[in-house]
Amino acid sequence: MIASEASPAPTISPHLQGVETETFLTLSKMSEQKESLQNILKKYNTKSPEDIEIMIEQGEIGEHPAYEDYLSALSFEQNIKDLKKLLNDLVKRI
Protein backbone atom coordinates (compact mmCIF):
# COMPACT_ATOMS: atom_id res chain seq x y z
CA MET A 1 0.00 0.00 0.00
CA ILE A 2 1.26 3.46 -0.90
CA ALA A 3 1.53 6.01 1.89
CA SER A 4 -1.18 8.14 0.30
CA GLU A 5 -3.48 5.12 0.39
CA ALA A 6 -2.91 4.49 4.08
CA SER A 7 -5.97 4.70 6.25
CA PRO A 8 -6.35 8.01 8.05
CA ALA A 9 -5.17 8.27 11.63
CA PRO A 10 -7.97 7.79 14.13
CA THR A 11 -9.50 11.01 15.37
CA ILE A 12 -9.27 11.59 19.09
CA SER A 13 -12.02 13.67 20.61
CA PRO A 14 -10.95 17.01 22.10
CA HIS A 15 -12.32 15.84 25.45
CA LEU A 16 -10.08 12.79 25.45
CA GLN A 17 -7.07 14.84 24.32
CA GLY A 18 -7.66 17.16 27.29
CA VAL A 19 -7.85 14.21 29.66
CA GLU A 20 -4.68 12.74 28.16
CA THR A 21 -2.82 16.02 28.61
CA GLU A 22 -4.05 16.43 32.18
CA THR A 23 -3.14 12.82 32.95
CA PHE A 24 0.37 13.28 31.56
CA LEU A 25 0.89 16.50 33.55
CA THR A 26 -0.43 14.86 36.72
CA LEU A 27 1.88 11.86 36.27
CA SER A 28 4.81 14.22 35.74
CA LYS A 29 3.99 16.14 38.92
CA MET A 30 3.62 12.89 40.85
CA SER A 31 6.99 11.68 39.61
CA GLU A 32 8.64 14.92 40.75
CA GLN A 33 6.99 14.71 44.17
CA LYS A 34 8.04 11.08 44.61
CA GLU A 35 11.61 11.90 43.65
CA SER A 36 11.73 14.79 46.11
CA LEU A 37 10.32 12.60 48.88
CA GLN A 38 12.83 9.83 48.14
CA ASN A 39 15.72 12.31 48.21
CA ILE A 40 14.76 13.40 51.72
CA LEU A 41 14.22 9.85 52.97
CA LYS A 42 17.59 8.75 51.53
CA LYS A 43 19.28 11.70 53.25
CA TYR A 44 18.22 10.24 56.62
CA ASN A 45 18.28 6.59 55.52
CA THR A 46 14.61 6.16 56.48
CA LYS A 47 11.46 4.71 54.99
CA SER A 48 8.98 7.40 56.10
CA PRO A 49 8.79 11.00 57.29
CA GLU A 50 7.67 9.74 60.68
CA ASP A 51 11.06 8.04 61.07
CA ILE A 52 12.72 11.44 60.70
CA GLU A 53 10.50 12.85 63.44
CA ILE A 54 11.42 9.96 65.74
CA MET A 55 15.12 10.49 65.07
CA ILE A 56 14.74 14.17 65.99
CA GLU A 57 12.80 13.34 69.17
CA GLN A 58 15.42 10.80 70.23
CA GLY A 59 18.24 13.26 69.60
CA GLU A 60 19.81 11.14 66.85
CA ILE A 61 19.81 14.13 64.49
CA GLY A 62 19.64 17.87 65.00
CA GLU A 63 16.38 19.72 64.59
CA HIS A 64 17.74 21.95 61.86
CA PRO A 65 17.36 21.24 58.97
CA ALA A 66 15.83 17.85 59.81
CA TYR A 67 12.52 19.28 61.01
CA GLU A 68 12.12 21.30 57.82
CA ASP A 69 12.91 18.16 55.82
CA TYR A 70 10.36 16.23 57.88
CA LEU A 71 7.67 18.81 57.11
CA SER A 72 8.60 18.82 53.43
CA ALA A 73 8.44 15.03 53.32
CA LEU A 74 4.97 15.10 54.88
CA SER A 75 3.90 17.63 52.28
CA PHE A 76 5.29 15.51 49.44
CA GLU A 77 3.43 12.47 50.78
CA GLN A 78 0.15 14.38 50.92
CA ASN A 79 0.69 15.80 47.44
CA ILE A 80 1.27 12.28 46.10
CA LYS A 81 -1.98 11.07 47.70
CA ASP A 82 -3.86 14.03 46.22
CA LEU A 83 -2.36 13.42 42.77
CA LYS A 84 -3.31 9.72 42.94
CA LYS A 85 -6.90 10.74 43.68
CA LEU A 86 -6.83 13.17 40.77
CA LEU A 87 -5.53 10.41 38.47
CA ASN A 88 -8.30 8.11 39.63
CA ASP A 89 -10.85 10.83 38.84
CA LEU A 90 -9.29 11.36 35.40
CA VAL A 91 -9.54 7.66 34.59
CA LYS A 92 -13.23 7.75 35.50
CA ARG A 93 -13.75 10.59 33.00
CA ILE A 94 -12.46 8.52 30.09
PDB file of N, CA and C in Angstrom:
ATOM      1  N   MET A   1       0.839  -1.168   0.000  1.00  0.00           N
ATOM      2  CA  MET A   1       0.000   0.000   0.000  1.00  0.00           C
ATOM      3  C   MET A   1       0.891   1.241   0.000  1.00  0.00           C
ATOM      4  N   ILE A   2       0.538   2.197  -0.811  1.00  0.00           N
ATOM      5  CA  ILE A   2       1.264   3.458  -0.904  1.00  0.00           C
ATOM      6  C   ILE A   2       0.844   4.339   0.264  1.00  0.00           C
ATOM      7  N   ALA A   3       1.796   5.158   0.733  1.00  0.00           N
ATOM      8  CA  ALA A   3       1.526   6.009   1.891  1.00  0.00           C
ATOM      9  C   ALA A   3       0.262   6.837   1.717  1.00  0.00           C
ATOM     10  N   SER A   4       0.014   7.318   0.510  1.00  0.00           N
ATOM     11  CA  SER A   4      -1.176   8.145   0.298  1.00  0.00           C
ATOM     12  C   SER A   4      -2.455   7.322   0.401  1.00  0.00           C
ATOM     13  N   GLU A   5      -2.328   5.995   0.283  1.00  0.00           N
ATOM     14  CA  GLU A   5      -3.485   5.118   0.388  1.00  0.00           C
ATOM     15  C   GLU A   5      -3.703   4.626   1.813  1.00  0.00           C
ATOM     16  N   ALA A   6      -2.795   4.957   2.700  1.00  0.00           N
ATOM     17  CA  ALA A   6      -2.914   4.490   4.083  1.00  0.00           C
ATOM     18  C   ALA A   6      -4.189   5.035   4.703  1.00  0.00           C
ATOM     19  N   SER A   7      -4.746   4.245   5.588  1.00  0.00           N
ATOM     20  CA  SER A   7      -5.967   4.696   6.249  1.00  0.00           C
ATOM     21  C   SER A   7      -5.655   5.898   7.141  1.00  0.00           C
ATOM     22  N   PRO A   8      -6.597   6.806   7.246  1.00  0.00           N
ATOM     23  CA  PRO A   8      -6.354   8.008   8.051  1.00  0.00           C
ATOM     24  C   PRO A   8      -6.174   7.653   9.526  1.00  0.00           C
ATOM     25  N   ALA A   9      -5.393   8.481  10.196  1.00  0.00           N
ATOM     26  CA  ALA A   9      -5.171   8.272  11.630  1.00  0.00           C
ATOM     27  C   ALA A   9      -6.497   8.449  12.358  1.00  0.00           C
ATOM     28  N   PRO A  10      -6.716   7.654  13.387  1.00  0.00           N
ATOM     29  CA  PRO A  10      -7.972   7.792  14.133  1.00  0.00           C
ATOM     30  C   PRO A  10      -8.069   9.185  14.759  1.00  0.00           C
ATOM     31  N   THR A  11      -9.264   9.694  14.783  1.00  0.00           N
ATOM     32  CA  THR A  11      -9.501  11.006  15.370  1.00  0.00           C
ATOM     33  C   THR A  11      -9.769  10.833  16.859  1.00  0.00           C
ATOM     34  N   ILE A  12      -9.076  11.632  17.644  1.00  0.00           N
ATOM     35  CA  ILE A  12      -9.272  11.594  19.094  1.00  0.00           C
ATOM     36  C   ILE A  12     -10.110  12.803  19.472  1.00  0.00           C
ATOM     37  N   SER A  13     -11.140  12.563  20.236  1.00  0.00           N
ATOM     38  CA  SER A  13     -12.021  13.668  20.614  1.00  0.00           C
ATOM     39  C   SER A  13     -11.259  14.702  21.438  1.00  0.00           C
ATOM     40  N   PRO A  14     -11.612  15.964  21.304  1.00  0.00           N
ATOM     41  CA  PRO A  14     -10.950  17.012  22.096  1.00  0.00           C
ATOM     42  C   PRO A  14     -11.043  16.737  23.594  1.00  0.00           C
ATOM     43  N   HIS A  15     -12.166  16.170  24.026  1.00  0.00           N
ATOM     44  CA  HIS A  15     -12.321  15.840  25.453  1.00  0.00           C
ATOM     45  C   HIS A  15     -11.250  14.856  25.895  1.00  0.00           C
ATOM     46  N   LEU A  16     -11.061  13.809  25.101  1.00  0.00           N
ATOM     47  CA  LEU A  16     -10.077  12.790  25.451  1.00  0.00           C
ATOM     48  C   LEU A  16      -8.667  13.349  25.388  1.00  0.00           C
ATOM     49  N   GLN A  17      -8.392  14.210  24.403  1.00  0.00           N
ATOM     50  CA  GLN A  17      -7.073  14.836  24.321  1.00  0.00           C
ATOM     51  C   GLN A  17      -6.803  15.657  25.573  1.00  0.00           C
ATOM     52  N   GLY A  18      -7.813  16.371  26.063  1.00  0.00           N
ATOM     53  CA  GLY A  18      -7.661  17.157  27.286  1.00  0.00           C
ATOM     54  C   GLY A  18      -7.368  16.272  28.481  1.00  0.00           C
ATOM     55  N   VAL A  19      -8.071  15.149  28.558  1.00  0.00           N
ATOM     56  CA  VAL A  19      -7.852  14.209  29.660  1.00  0.00           C
ATOM     57  C   VAL A  19      -6.459  13.612  29.561  1.00  0.00           C
ATOM     58  N   GLU A  20      -6.024  13.290  28.342  1.00  0.00           N
ATOM     59  CA  GLU A  20      -4.676  12.739  28.159  1.00  0.00           C
ATOM     60  C   GLU A  20      -3.616  13.733  28.610  1.00  0.00           C
ATOM     61  N   THR A  21      -3.787  14.985  28.230  1.00  0.00           N
ATOM     62  CA  THR A  21      -2.824  16.019  28.614  1.00  0.00           C
ATOM     63  C   THR A  21      -2.800  16.187  30.122  1.00  0.00           C
ATOM     64  N   GLU A  22      -3.973  16.270  30.723  1.00  0.00           N
ATOM     65  CA  GLU A  22      -4.051  16.429  32.176  1.00  0.00           C
ATOM     66  C   GLU A  22      -3.458  15.219  32.887  1.00  0.00           C
ATOM     67  N   THR A  23      -3.696  14.033  32.359  1.00  0.00           N
ATOM     68  CA  THR A  23      -3.137  12.817  32.948  1.00  0.00           C
ATOM     69  C   THR A  23      -1.614  12.839  32.879  1.00  0.00           C
ATOM     70  N   PHE A  24      -1.079  13.206  31.724  1.00  0.00           N
ATOM     71  CA  PHE A  24       0.374  13.284  31.565  1.00  0.00           C
ATOM     72  C   PHE A  24       0.975  14.292  32.541  1.00  0.00           C
ATOM     73  N   LEU A  25       0.376  15.470  32.638  1.00  0.00           N
ATOM     74  CA  LEU A  25       0.892  16.496  33.551  1.00  0.00           C
ATOM     75  C   LEU A  25       0.815  16.039  35.005  1.00  0.00           C
ATOM     76  N   THR A  26      -0.264  15.365  35.354  1.00  0.00           N
ATOM     77  CA  THR A  26      -0.429  14.865  36.720  1.00  0.00           C
ATOM     78  C   THR A  26       0.612  13.799  37.027  1.00  0.00           C
ATOM     79  N   LEU A  27       0.848  12.891  36.078  1.00  0.00           N
ATOM     80  CA  LEU A  27       1.876  11.865  36.274  1.00  0.00           C
ATOM     81  C   LEU A  27       3.257  12.493  36.417  1.00  0.00           C
ATOM     82  N   SER A  28       3.524  13.528  35.648  1.00  0.00           N
ATOM     83  CA  SER A  28       4.811  14.222  35.744  1.00  0.00           C
ATOM     84  C   SER A  28       4.989  14.856  37.117  1.00  0.00           C
ATOM     85  N   LYS A  29       3.936  15.525  37.594  1.00  0.00           N
ATOM     86  CA  LYS A  29       3.994  16.141  38.924  1.00  0.00           C
ATOM     87  C   LYS A  29       4.205  15.080  39.999  1.00  0.00           C
ATOM     88  N   MET A  30       3.492  13.952  39.861  1.00  0.00           N
ATOM     89  CA  MET A  30       3.624  12.892  40.848  1.00  0.00           C
ATOM     90  C   MET A  30       5.045  12.343  40.864  1.00  0.00           C
ATOM     91  N   SER A  31       5.623  12.170  39.704  1.00  0.00           N
ATOM     92  CA  SER A  31       6.994  11.677  39.605  1.00  0.00           C
ATOM     93  C   SER A  31       7.963  12.629  40.304  1.00  0.00           C
ATOM     94  N   GLU A  32       7.784  13.924  40.093  1.00  0.00           N
ATOM     95  CA  GLU A  32       8.637  14.923  40.746  1.00  0.00           C
ATOM     96  C   GLU A  32       8.488  14.871  42.264  1.00  0.00           C
ATOM     97  N   GLN A  33       7.245  14.755  42.731  1.00  0.00           N
ATOM     98  CA  GLN A  33       6.986  14.710  44.170  1.00  0.00           C
ATOM     99  C   GLN A  33       7.599  13.455  44.795  1.00  0.00           C
ATOM    100  N   LYS A  34       7.464  12.324  44.105  1.00  0.00           N
ATOM    101  CA  LYS A  34       8.040  11.075  44.612  1.00  0.00           C
ATOM    102  C   LYS A  34       9.559  11.161  44.676  1.00  0.00           C
ATOM    103  N   GLU A  35      10.161  11.753  43.660  1.00  0.00           N
ATOM    104  CA  GLU A  35      11.612  11.898  43.647  1.00  0.00           C
ATOM    105  C   GLU A  35      12.079  12.797  44.795  1.00  0.00           C
ATOM    106  N   SER A  36      11.377  13.883  45.019  1.00  0.00           N
ATOM    107  CA  SER A  36      11.735  14.791  46.114  1.00  0.00           C
ATOM    108  C   SER A  36      11.595  14.097  47.463  1.00  0.00           C
ATOM    109  N   LEU A  37      10.520  13.340  47.634  1.00  0.00           N
ATOM    110  CA  LEU A  37      10.318  12.596  48.878  1.00  0.00           C
ATOM    111  C   LEU A  37      11.445  11.590  49.074  1.00  0.00           C
ATOM    112  N   GLN A  38      11.771  10.839  48.026  1.00  0.00           N
ATOM    113  CA  GLN A  38      12.827   9.833  48.137  1.00  0.00           C
ATOM    114  C   GLN A  38      14.179  10.458  48.463  1.00  0.00           C
ATOM    115  N   ASN A  39      14.455  11.625  47.908  1.00  0.00           N
ATOM    116  CA  ASN A  39      15.719  12.305  48.215  1.00  0.00           C
ATOM    117  C   ASN A  39      15.827  12.633  49.697  1.00  0.00           C
ATOM    118  N   ILE A  40      14.740  13.095  50.286  1.00  0.00           N
ATOM    119  CA  ILE A  40      14.757  13.405  51.719  1.00  0.00           C
ATOM    120  C   ILE A  40      14.911  12.127  52.535  1.00  0.00           C
ATOM    121  N   LEU A  41      14.154  11.097  52.198  1.00  0.00           N
ATOM    122  CA  LEU A  41      14.224   9.849  52.966  1.00  0.00           C
ATOM    123  C   LEU A  41      15.610   9.217  52.867  1.00  0.00           C
ATOM    124  N   LYS A  42      16.232   9.285  51.697  1.00  0.00           N
ATOM    125  CA  LYS A  42      17.593   8.754  51.533  1.00  0.00           C
ATOM    126  C   LYS A  42      18.583   9.530  52.387  1.00  0.00           C
ATOM    127  N   LYS A  43      18.392  10.832  52.468  1.00  0.00           N
ATOM    128  CA  LYS A  43      19.282  11.697  53.246  1.00  0.00           C
ATOM    129  C   LYS A  43      19.380  11.219  54.695  1.00  0.00           C
ATOM    130  N   TYR A  44      18.255  10.705  55.226  1.00  0.00           N
ATOM    131  CA  TYR A  44      18.216  10.242  56.619  1.00  0.00           C
ATOM    132  C   TYR A  44      18.178   8.719  56.721  1.00  0.00           C
ATOM    133  N   ASN A  45      18.296   8.052  55.575  1.00  0.00           N
ATOM    134  CA  ASN A  45      18.276   6.591  55.524  1.00  0.00           C
ATOM    135  C   ASN A  45      17.039   6.038  56.239  1.00  0.00           C
ATOM    136  N   THR A  46      15.871   6.567  55.859  1.00  0.00           N
ATOM    137  CA  THR A  46      14.614   6.164  56.481  1.00  0.00           C
ATOM    138  C   THR A  46      13.608   5.736  55.418  1.00  0.00           C
ATOM    139  N   LYS A  47      12.522   5.167  55.887  1.00  0.00           N
ATOM    140  CA  LYS A  47      11.457   4.713  54.994  1.00  0.00           C
ATOM    141  C   LYS A  47      10.254   5.657  54.988  1.00  0.00           C
ATOM    142  N   SER A  48      10.147   6.526  56.011  1.00  0.00           N
ATOM    143  CA  SER A  48       8.984   7.402  56.103  1.00  0.00           C
ATOM    144  C   SER A  48       9.348   8.707  56.806  1.00  0.00           C
ATOM    145  N   PRO A  49       8.550   9.747  56.585  1.00  0.00           N
ATOM    146  CA  PRO A  49       8.789  11.002  57.293  1.00  0.00           C
ATOM    147  C   PRO A  49       8.703  10.842  58.814  1.00  0.00           C
ATOM    148  N   GLU A  50       7.829   9.955  59.248  1.00  0.00           N
ATOM    149  CA  GLU A  50       7.673   9.738  60.682  1.00  0.00           C
ATOM    150  C   GLU A  50       8.972   9.246  61.320  1.00  0.00           C
ATOM    151  N   ASP A  51       9.765   8.494  60.567  1.00  0.00           N
ATOM    152  CA  ASP A  51      11.062   8.036  61.073  1.00  0.00           C
ATOM    153  C   ASP A  51      11.990   9.220  61.338  1.00  0.00           C
ATOM    154  N   ILE A  52      11.904  10.238  60.496  1.00  0.00           N
ATOM    155  CA  ILE A  52      12.725  11.436  60.700  1.00  0.00           C
ATOM    156  C   ILE A  52      12.308  12.117  61.994  1.00  0.00           C
ATOM    157  N   GLU A  53      11.009  12.223  62.206  1.00  0.00           N
ATOM    158  CA  GLU A  53      10.504  12.850  63.436  1.00  0.00           C
ATOM    159  C   GLU A  53      10.991  12.087  64.668  1.00  0.00           C
ATOM    160  N   ILE A  54      10.952  10.783  64.615  1.00  0.00           N
ATOM    161  CA  ILE A  54      11.416   9.956  65.739  1.00  0.00           C
ATOM    162  C   ILE A  54      12.899  10.186  65.988  1.00  0.00           C
ATOM    163  N   MET A  55      13.676  10.254  64.920  1.00  0.00           N
ATOM    164  CA  MET A  55      15.117  10.489  65.066  1.00  0.00           C
ATOM    165  C   MET A  55      15.386  11.848  65.722  1.00  0.00           C
ATOM    166  N   ILE A  56      14.595  12.845  65.371  1.00  0.00           N
ATOM    167  CA  ILE A  56      14.739  14.170  65.987  1.00  0.00           C
ATOM    168  C   ILE A  56      14.394  14.088  67.468  1.00  0.00           C
ATOM    169  N   GLU A  57      13.257  13.456  67.782  1.00  0.00           N
ATOM    170  CA  GLU A  57      12.801  13.342  69.173  1.00  0.00           C
ATOM    171  C   GLU A  57      13.799  12.584  70.035  1.00  0.00           C
ATOM    172  N   GLN A  58      14.461  11.598  69.466  1.00  0.00           N
ATOM    173  CA  GLN A  58      15.423  10.797  70.225  1.00  0.00           C
ATOM    174  C   GLN A  58      16.813  11.419  70.239  1.00  0.00           C
ATOM    175  N   GLY A  59      16.964  12.567  69.598  1.00  0.00           N
ATOM    176  CA  GLY A  59      18.243  13.263  69.596  1.00  0.00           C
ATOM    177  C   GLY A  59      19.286  12.651  68.675  1.00  0.00           C
ATOM    178  N   GLU A  60      18.869  11.773  67.780  1.00  0.00           N
ATOM    179  CA  GLU A  60      19.810  11.142  66.848  1.00  0.00           C
ATOM    180  C   GLU A  60      20.294  12.121  65.787  1.00  0.00           C
ATOM    181  N   ILE A  61      19.454  13.099  65.472  1.00  0.00           N
ATOM    182  CA  ILE A  61      19.810  14.130  64.494  1.00  0.00           C
ATOM    183  C   ILE A  61      19.345  15.483  65.023  1.00  0.00           C
ATOM    184  N   GLY A  62      20.009  16.526  64.575  1.00  0.00           N
ATOM    185  CA  GLY A  62      19.637  17.871  65.001  1.00  0.00           C
ATOM    186  C   GLY A  62      18.324  18.318  64.378  1.00  0.00           C
ATOM    187  N   GLU A  63      17.673  19.242  65.077  1.00  0.00           N
ATOM    188  CA  GLU A  63      16.377  19.721  64.589  1.00  0.00           C
ATOM    189  C   GLU A  63      16.483  20.473  63.264  1.00  0.00           C
ATOM    190  N   HIS A  64      17.595  21.166  63.087  1.00  0.00           N
ATOM    191  CA  HIS A  64      17.742  21.947  61.857  1.00  0.00           C
ATOM    192  C   HIS A  64      18.806  21.328  60.972  1.00  0.00           C
ATOM    193  N   PRO A  65      18.565  21.011  59.767  1.00  0.00           N
ATOM    194  CA  PRO A  65      17.355  21.237  58.973  1.00  0.00           C
ATOM    195  C   PRO A  65      16.397  20.047  58.963  1.00  0.00           C
ATOM    196  N   ALA A  66      16.618  19.084  59.844  1.00  0.00           N
ATOM    197  CA  ALA A  66      15.829  17.848  59.807  1.00  0.00           C
ATOM    198  C   ALA A  66      14.329  18.104  59.952  1.00  0.00           C
ATOM    199  N   TYR A  67      13.954  19.047  60.823  1.00  0.00           N
ATOM    200  CA  TYR A  67      12.522  19.280  61.011  1.00  0.00           C
ATOM    201  C   TYR A  67      11.895  19.871  59.748  1.00  0.00           C
ATOM    202  N   GLU A  68      12.616  20.749  59.077  1.00  0.00           N
ATOM    203  CA  GLU A  68      12.123  21.302  57.818  1.00  0.00           C
ATOM    204  C   GLU A  68      12.001  20.200  56.762  1.00  0.00           C
ATOM    205  N   ASP A  69      12.977  19.295  56.741  1.00  0.00           N
ATOM    206  CA  ASP A  69      12.914  18.160  55.816  1.00  0.00           C
ATOM    207  C   ASP A  69      11.730  17.254  56.147  1.00  0.00           C
ATOM    208  N   TYR A  70      11.493  17.044  57.435  1.00  0.00           N
ATOM    209  CA  TYR A  70      10.362  16.230  57.878  1.00  0.00           C
ATOM    210  C   TYR A  70       9.049  16.836  57.370  1.00  0.00           C
ATOM    211  N   LEU A  71       8.890  18.147  57.561  1.00  0.00           N
ATOM    212  CA  LEU A  71       7.666  18.810  57.111  1.00  0.00           C
ATOM    213  C   LEU A  71       7.531  18.752  55.586  1.00  0.00           C
ATOM    214  N   SER A  72       8.633  18.922  54.891  1.00  0.00           N
ATOM    215  CA  SER A  72       8.603  18.823  53.427  1.00  0.00           C
ATOM    216  C   SER A  72       8.205  17.419  52.993  1.00  0.00           C
ATOM    217  N   ALA A  73       8.756  16.415  53.656  1.00  0.00           N
ATOM    218  CA  ALA A  73       8.435  15.028  53.318  1.00  0.00           C
ATOM    219  C   ALA A  73       6.951  14.744  53.542  1.00  0.00           C
ATOM    220  N   LEU A  74       6.403  15.268  54.641  1.00  0.00           N
ATOM    221  CA  LEU A  74       4.968  15.103  54.883  1.00  0.00           C
ATOM    222  C   LEU A  74       4.155  15.751  53.765  1.00  0.00           C
ATOM    223  N   SER A  75       4.587  16.920  53.353  1.00  0.00           N
ATOM    224  CA  SER A  75       3.903  17.634  52.277  1.00  0.00           C
ATOM    225  C   SER A  75       3.973  16.848  50.967  1.00  0.00           C
ATOM    226  N   PHE A  76       5.147  16.314  50.650  1.00  0.00           N
ATOM    227  CA  PHE A  76       5.286  15.510  49.436  1.00  0.00           C
ATOM    228  C   PHE A  76       4.371  14.292  49.487  1.00  0.00           C
ATOM    229  N   GLU A  77       4.307  13.640  50.640  1.00  0.00           N
ATOM    230  CA  GLU A  77       3.428  12.469  50.783  1.00  0.00           C
ATOM    231  C   GLU A  77       1.972  12.840  50.521  1.00  0.00           C
ATOM    232  N   GLN A  78       1.536  13.951  51.110  1.00  0.00           N
ATOM    233  CA  GLN A  78       0.150  14.382  50.917  1.00  0.00           C
ATOM    234  C   GLN A  78      -0.105  14.753  49.461  1.00  0.00           C
ATOM    235  N   ASN A  79       0.843  15.434  48.850  1.00  0.00           N
ATOM    236  CA  ASN A  79       0.695  15.797  47.436  1.00  0.00           C
ATOM    237  C   ASN A  79       0.556  14.557  46.565  1.00  0.00           C
ATOM    238  N   ILE A  80       1.338  13.529  46.860  1.00  0.00           N
ATOM    239  CA  ILE A  80       1.275  12.278  46.097  1.00  0.00           C
ATOM    240  C   ILE A  80      -0.105  11.641  46.253  1.00  0.00           C
ATOM    241  N   LYS A  81      -0.632  11.624  47.474  1.00  0.00           N
ATOM    242  CA  LYS A  81      -1.976  11.075  47.703  1.00  0.00           C
ATOM    243  C   LYS A  81      -3.019  11.859  46.910  1.00  0.00           C
ATOM    244  N   ASP A  82      -2.906  13.184  46.947  1.00  0.00           N
ATOM    245  CA  ASP A  82      -3.856  14.029  46.219  1.00  0.00           C
ATOM    246  C   ASP A  82      -3.762  13.800  44.711  1.00  0.00           C
ATOM    247  N   LEU A  83      -2.545  13.657  44.204  1.00  0.00           N
ATOM    248  CA  LEU A  83      -2.358  13.421  42.773  1.00  0.00           C
ATOM    249  C   LEU A  83      -2.888  12.049  42.363  1.00  0.00           C
ATOM    250  N   LYS A  84      -2.749  11.051  43.231  1.00  0.00           N
ATOM    251  CA  LYS A  84      -3.309   9.723  42.940  1.00  0.00           C
ATOM    252  C   LYS A  84      -4.828   9.801  42.832  1.00  0.00           C
ATOM    253  N   LYS A  85      -5.447  10.569  43.729  1.00  0.00           N
ATOM    254  CA  LYS A  85      -6.899  10.740  43.680  1.00  0.00           C
ATOM    255  C   LYS A  85      -7.300  11.441  42.383  1.00  0.00           C
ATOM    256  N   LEU A  86      -6.552  12.462  42.013  1.00  0.00           N
ATOM    257  CA  LEU A  86      -6.829  13.168  40.768  1.00  0.00           C
ATOM    258  C   LEU A  86      -6.716  12.225  39.568  1.00  0.00           C
ATOM    259  N   LEU A  87      -5.689  11.379  39.561  1.00  0.00           N
ATOM    260  CA  LEU A  87      -5.534  10.407  38.467  1.00  0.00           C
ATOM    261  C   LEU A  87      -6.717   9.451  38.410  1.00  0.00           C
ATOM    262  N   ASN A  88      -7.150   9.001  39.571  1.00  0.00           N
ATOM    263  CA  ASN A  88      -8.303   8.109  39.633  1.00  0.00           C
ATOM    264  C   ASN A  88      -9.537   8.795  39.042  1.00  0.00           C
ATOM    265  N   ASP A  89      -9.724  10.067  39.389  1.00  0.00           N
ATOM    266  CA  ASP A  89     -10.853  10.825  38.845  1.00  0.00           C
ATOM    267  C   ASP A  89     -10.730  11.001  37.329  1.00  0.00           C
ATOM    268  N   LEU A  90      -9.508  11.217  36.847  1.00  0.00           N
ATOM    269  CA  LEU A  90      -9.291  11.363  35.404  1.00  0.00           C
ATOM    270  C   LEU A  90      -9.640  10.078  34.662  1.00  0.00           C
ATOM    271  N   VAL A  91      -9.249   8.954  35.221  1.00  0.00           N
ATOM    272  CA  VAL A  91      -9.544   7.664  34.586  1.00  0.00           C
ATOM    273  C   VAL A  91     -11.055   7.461  34.496  1.00  0.00           C
ATOM    274  N   LYS A  92     -11.773   7.890  35.513  1.00  0.00           N
ATOM    275  CA  LYS A  92     -13.233   7.749  35.498  1.00  0.00           C
ATOM    276  C   LYS A  92     -13.876   8.609  34.414  1.00  0.00           C
ATOM    277  N   ARG A  93     -13.209   9.692  34.024  1.00  0.00           N
ATOM    278  CA  ARG A  93     -13.753  10.592  32.996  1.00  0.00           C
ATOM    279  C   ARG A  93     -13.564  10.059  31.581  1.00  0.00           C
ATOM    280  N   ILE A  94     -12.736   9.048  31.439  1.00  0.00           N
ATOM    281  CA  ILE A  94     -12.459   8.517  30.091  1.00  0.00           C
ATOM    282  C   ILE A  94     -13.628   7.676  29.614  1.00  0.00           C
TER     283      ILE A  94
END
